[in-house]
Amino acid sequence: MRGCRFKVSKPLKAKPVSYKLAVLIERDEHGYYAYCPELPGCQSQGDSLEEVKENIQEAIELYLETLSEEEKQTRSIRNILN
């Protein structure tokens, strides 16, 4: 199992916000599997380490886009303002 951190920047209400989230990456006989424990259900896979990193970053960005403002406030996401 390998852990890494991703920084995702998305403009929210014309103000860019960055999030630091832990991502766990595992390798098995089928390739790589990545998930973000802080975002339940946010997971992805890939044939290579580079592919799974790209895929999980996209999954995180899409996940964050679906959250309401209230959900963003109550999640255990650590805001890091630029």
N, C-alpha and C. Protein backbone atom coordinates (compact mmCIF):
# COMPACT_ATOMS: atom_id res chain seq x y z
N MET A 1 0.85 -1.16 0.00
CA MET A 1 0.00 0.00 0.00
C MET A 1 0.89 1.22 0.00
N ARG A 2 0.52 2.20 -0.75
CA ARG A 2 1.28 3.43 -0.87
C ARG A 2 0.34 4.59 -0.60
N GLY A 3 0.80 5.56 0.14
CA GLY A 3 0.00 6.75 0.42
C GLY A 3 0.62 7.95 -0.25
N CYS A 4 -0.21 8.87 -0.67
CA CYS A 4 0.28 10.11 -1.24
C CYS A 4 -0.76 11.18 -1.00
N ARG A 5 -0.40 12.40 -1.22
CA ARG A 5 -1.32 13.51 -1.04
C ARG A 5 -1.49 14.24 -2.37
N PHE A 6 -2.70 14.66 -2.62
CA PHE A 6 -3.00 15.42 -3.82
C PHE A 6 -3.48 16.79 -3.42
N LYS A 7 -3.13 17.77 -4.20
CA LYS A 7 -3.65 19.11 -4.00
C LYS A 7 -4.59 19.38 -5.17
N VAL A 8 -5.82 19.67 -4.85
CA VAL A 8 -6.85 19.91 -5.86
C VAL A 8 -7.30 21.34 -5.74
N SER A 9 -7.20 22.10 -6.81
CA SER A 9 -7.64 23.50 -6.80
C SER A 9 -8.87 23.63 -7.68
N LYS A 10 -9.93 24.10 -7.10
CA LYS A 10 -11.17 24.32 -7.84
C LYS A 10 -11.72 25.68 -7.45
N PRO A 11 -12.13 26.50 -8.43
CA PRO A 11 -12.74 27.79 -8.08
C PRO A 11 -14.14 27.57 -7.51
N LEU A 12 -14.39 28.09 -6.34
CA LEU A 12 -15.70 28.03 -5.71
C LEU A 12 -16.17 29.46 -5.47
N LYS A 13 -17.27 29.82 -6.12
CA LYS A 13 -17.79 31.17 -6.02
C LYS A 13 -16.71 32.20 -6.33
N ALA A 14 -16.00 32.00 -7.44
CA ALA A 14 -14.97 32.90 -7.94
C ALA A 14 -13.79 33.06 -6.99
N LYS A 15 -13.67 32.20 -5.99
CA LYS A 15 -12.54 32.25 -5.07
C LYS A 15 -11.87 30.88 -5.08
N PRO A 16 -10.63 30.80 -5.59
CA PRO A 16 -9.98 29.49 -5.64
C PRO A 16 -9.71 28.94 -4.24
N VAL A 17 -10.00 27.65 -4.09
CA VAL A 17 -9.77 26.97 -2.81
C VAL A 17 -8.99 25.70 -3.11
N SER A 18 -8.02 25.42 -2.28
CA SER A 18 -7.24 24.19 -2.42
C SER A 18 -7.55 23.26 -1.27
N TYR A 19 -7.55 21.98 -1.54
CA TYR A 19 -7.77 20.96 -0.52
C TYR A 19 -6.57 20.03 -0.50
N LYS A 20 -6.17 19.62 0.69
CA LYS A 20 -5.17 18.57 0.82
C LYS A 20 -5.88 17.34 1.34
N LEU A 21 -5.81 16.27 0.57
CA LEU A 21 -6.52 15.04 0.90
C LEU A 21 -5.56 13.86 0.82
N ALA A 22 -5.71 12.94 1.74
CA ALA A 22 -4.91 11.72 1.71
C ALA A 22 -5.50 10.77 0.67
N VAL A 23 -4.62 10.11 -0.07
CA VAL A 23 -5.03 9.10 -1.04
C VAL A 23 -4.19 7.86 -0.80
N LEU A 24 -4.85 6.72 -0.73
CA LEU A 24 -4.15 5.45 -0.57
C LEU A 24 -4.19 4.70 -1.90
N ILE A 25 -3.03 4.16 -2.27
CA ILE A 25 -2.91 3.43 -3.53
C ILE A 25 -2.40 2.04 -3.22
N GLU A 26 -3.10 1.05 -3.76
CA GLU A 26 -2.72 -0.35 -3.57
C GLU A 26 -2.49 -0.99 -4.93
N ARG A 27 -1.60 -1.97 -4.96
CA ARG A 27 -1.34 -2.68 -6.20
C ARG A 27 -1.68 -4.15 -6.00
N ASP A 28 -2.34 -4.73 -7.00
CA ASP A 28 -2.61 -6.17 -6.98
C ASP A 28 -2.39 -6.73 -8.38
N GLU A 29 -2.82 -7.95 -8.60
CA GLU A 29 -2.56 -8.59 -9.89
C GLU A 29 -3.33 -7.95 -11.05
N HIS A 30 -4.32 -7.11 -10.75
CA HIS A 30 -5.12 -6.46 -11.79
C HIS A 30 -4.65 -5.05 -12.11
N GLY A 31 -3.73 -4.50 -11.34
CA GLY A 31 -3.27 -3.13 -11.56
C GLY A 31 -3.25 -2.36 -10.25
N TYR A 32 -3.66 -1.12 -10.31
CA TYR A 32 -3.63 -0.23 -9.15
C TYR A 32 -5.04 0.21 -8.77
N TYR A 33 -5.25 0.38 -7.49
CA TYR A 33 -6.53 0.83 -6.94
C TYR A 33 -6.23 1.98 -5.99
N ALA A 34 -6.96 3.08 -6.11
CA ALA A 34 -6.75 4.25 -5.26
C ALA A 34 -8.07 4.68 -4.65
N TYR A 35 -7.99 5.17 -3.41
CA TYR A 35 -9.19 5.71 -2.77
C TYR A 35 -8.80 6.82 -1.80
N CYS A 36 -9.78 7.66 -1.53
CA CYS A 36 -9.60 8.80 -0.64
C CYS A 36 -10.48 8.56 0.59
N PRO A 37 -9.88 8.18 1.73
CA PRO A 37 -10.68 7.86 2.92
C PRO A 37 -11.55 9.03 3.42
N GLU A 38 -11.14 10.25 3.13
CA GLU A 38 -11.89 11.42 3.60
C GLU A 38 -13.14 11.70 2.76
N LEU A 39 -13.24 11.05 1.60
CA LEU A 39 -14.39 11.23 0.71
C LEU A 39 -15.00 9.86 0.43
N PRO A 40 -15.96 9.42 1.24
CA PRO A 40 -16.53 8.08 1.11
C PRO A 40 -17.01 7.78 -0.31
N GLY A 41 -16.57 6.66 -0.83
CA GLY A 41 -16.98 6.25 -2.17
C GLY A 41 -16.11 6.80 -3.28
N CYS A 42 -15.17 7.67 -2.95
CA CYS A 42 -14.29 8.26 -3.97
C CYS A 42 -13.12 7.31 -4.20
N GLN A 43 -13.13 6.65 -5.34
CA GLN A 43 -12.13 5.64 -5.64
C GLN A 43 -11.93 5.55 -7.14
N SER A 44 -10.82 4.95 -7.54
CA SER A 44 -10.53 4.78 -8.96
C SER A 44 -9.53 3.65 -9.14
N GLN A 45 -9.22 3.35 -10.37
CA GLN A 45 -8.25 2.30 -10.67
C GLN A 45 -7.47 2.67 -11.91
N GLY A 46 -6.41 1.94 -12.17
CA GLY A 46 -5.60 2.18 -13.36
C GLY A 46 -4.63 1.03 -13.58
N ASP A 47 -4.13 0.93 -14.80
CA ASP A 47 -3.17 -0.12 -15.13
C ASP A 47 -1.76 0.22 -14.66
N SER A 48 -1.47 1.51 -14.50
CA SER A 48 -0.15 1.94 -14.06
C SER A 48 -0.30 2.92 -12.90
N LEU A 49 0.79 3.16 -12.20
CA LEU A 49 0.76 4.11 -11.09
C LEU A 49 0.39 5.51 -11.59
N GLU A 50 0.96 5.91 -12.70
CA GLU A 50 0.66 7.24 -13.27
C GLU A 50 -0.82 7.34 -13.64
N GLU A 51 -1.37 6.30 -14.24
CA GLU A 51 -2.78 6.31 -14.64
C GLU A 51 -3.70 6.39 -13.43
N VAL A 52 -3.42 5.63 -12.38
CA VAL A 52 -4.28 5.66 -11.21
C VAL A 52 -4.21 7.02 -10.51
N LYS A 53 -3.03 7.66 -10.52
CA LYS A 53 -2.92 9.00 -9.93
C LYS A 53 -3.77 10.01 -10.69
N GLU A 54 -3.71 9.96 -12.00
CA GLU A 54 -4.53 10.86 -12.83
C GLU A 54 -6.02 10.58 -12.60
N ASN A 55 -6.38 9.31 -12.55
CA ASN A 55 -7.78 8.94 -12.39
C ASN A 55 -8.34 9.34 -11.04
N ILE A 56 -7.57 9.16 -9.96
CA ILE A 56 -8.09 9.51 -8.65
C ILE A 56 -8.18 11.03 -8.50
N GLN A 57 -7.26 11.76 -9.10
CA GLN A 57 -7.34 13.22 -9.03
C GLN A 57 -8.63 13.70 -9.72
N GLU A 58 -8.94 13.12 -10.87
CA GLU A 58 -10.18 13.47 -11.56
C GLU A 58 -11.40 13.08 -10.72
N ALA A 59 -11.36 11.89 -10.11
CA ALA A 59 -12.47 11.44 -9.27
C ALA A 59 -12.68 12.39 -8.09
N ILE A 60 -11.60 12.86 -7.48
CA ILE A 60 -11.71 13.80 -6.35
C ILE A 60 -12.32 15.11 -6.82
N GLU A 61 -11.86 15.64 -7.94
CA GLU A 61 -12.41 16.88 -8.46
C GLU A 61 -13.90 16.76 -8.73
N LEU A 62 -14.31 15.66 -9.34
CA LEU A 62 -15.73 15.44 -9.63
C LEU A 62 -16.54 15.28 -8.34
N TYR A 63 -15.99 14.57 -7.38
CA TYR A 63 -16.65 14.38 -6.09
C TYR A 63 -16.89 15.72 -5.42
N LEU A 64 -15.86 16.57 -5.39
CA LEU A 64 -16.00 17.88 -4.73
C LEU A 64 -17.03 18.76 -5.44
N GLU A 65 -17.14 18.63 -6.75
CA GLU A 65 -18.13 19.41 -7.50
C GLU A 65 -19.55 19.05 -7.11
N THR A 66 -19.77 17.82 -6.65
CA THR A 66 -21.13 17.38 -6.32
C THR A 66 -21.58 17.79 -4.92
N LEU A 67 -20.66 18.25 -4.08
CA LEU A 67 -21.01 18.61 -2.70
C LEU A 67 -21.72 19.96 -2.64
N SER A 68 -22.71 20.05 -1.79
CA SER A 68 -23.36 21.34 -1.54
C SER A 68 -22.44 22.17 -0.66
N GLU A 69 -22.73 23.45 -0.52
CA GLU A 69 -21.92 24.32 0.35
C GLU A 69 -21.94 23.82 1.79
N GLU A 70 -23.09 23.34 2.25
CA GLU A 70 -23.20 22.82 3.61
C GLU A 70 -22.34 21.57 3.79
N GLU A 71 -22.38 20.69 2.81
CA GLU A 71 -21.56 19.48 2.89
C GLU A 71 -20.07 19.81 2.91
N LYS A 72 -19.68 20.80 2.13
CA LYS A 72 -18.28 21.21 2.12
C LYS A 72 -17.84 21.72 3.49
N GLN A 73 -18.76 22.42 4.19
CA GLN A 73 -18.45 22.94 5.51
C GLN A 73 -18.34 21.84 6.55
N THR A 74 -19.16 20.80 6.43
CA THR A 74 -19.21 19.77 7.47
C THR A 74 -18.24 18.61 7.23
N ARG A 75 -17.70 18.49 6.03
CA ARG A 75 -16.74 17.43 5.74
C ARG A 75 -15.45 17.69 6.50
N SER A 76 -14.67 16.65 6.67
CA SER A 76 -13.39 16.79 7.37
C SER A 76 -12.28 17.20 6.40
N ILE A 77 -12.63 18.07 5.46
CA ILE A 77 -11.66 18.56 4.49
C ILE A 77 -10.93 19.75 5.11
N ARG A 78 -9.63 19.69 5.06
CA ARG A 78 -8.81 20.76 5.60
C ARG A 78 -8.59 21.79 4.51
N ASN A 79 -9.23 22.95 4.63
CA ASN A 79 -9.06 24.02 3.65
C ASN A 79 -7.68 24.65 3.78
N ILE A 80 -7.02 24.81 2.68
CA ILE A 80 -5.75 25.53 2.63
C ILE A 80 -5.97 26.63 1.60
N LEU A 81 -6.10 27.85 2.07
CA LEU A 81 -6.35 28.97 1.16
C LEU A 81 -5.06 29.41 0.49
N ASN A 82 -5.16 29.72 -0.77
CA ASN A 82 -3.96 30.19 -1.52
C ASN A 82 -3.59 31.57 -1.09
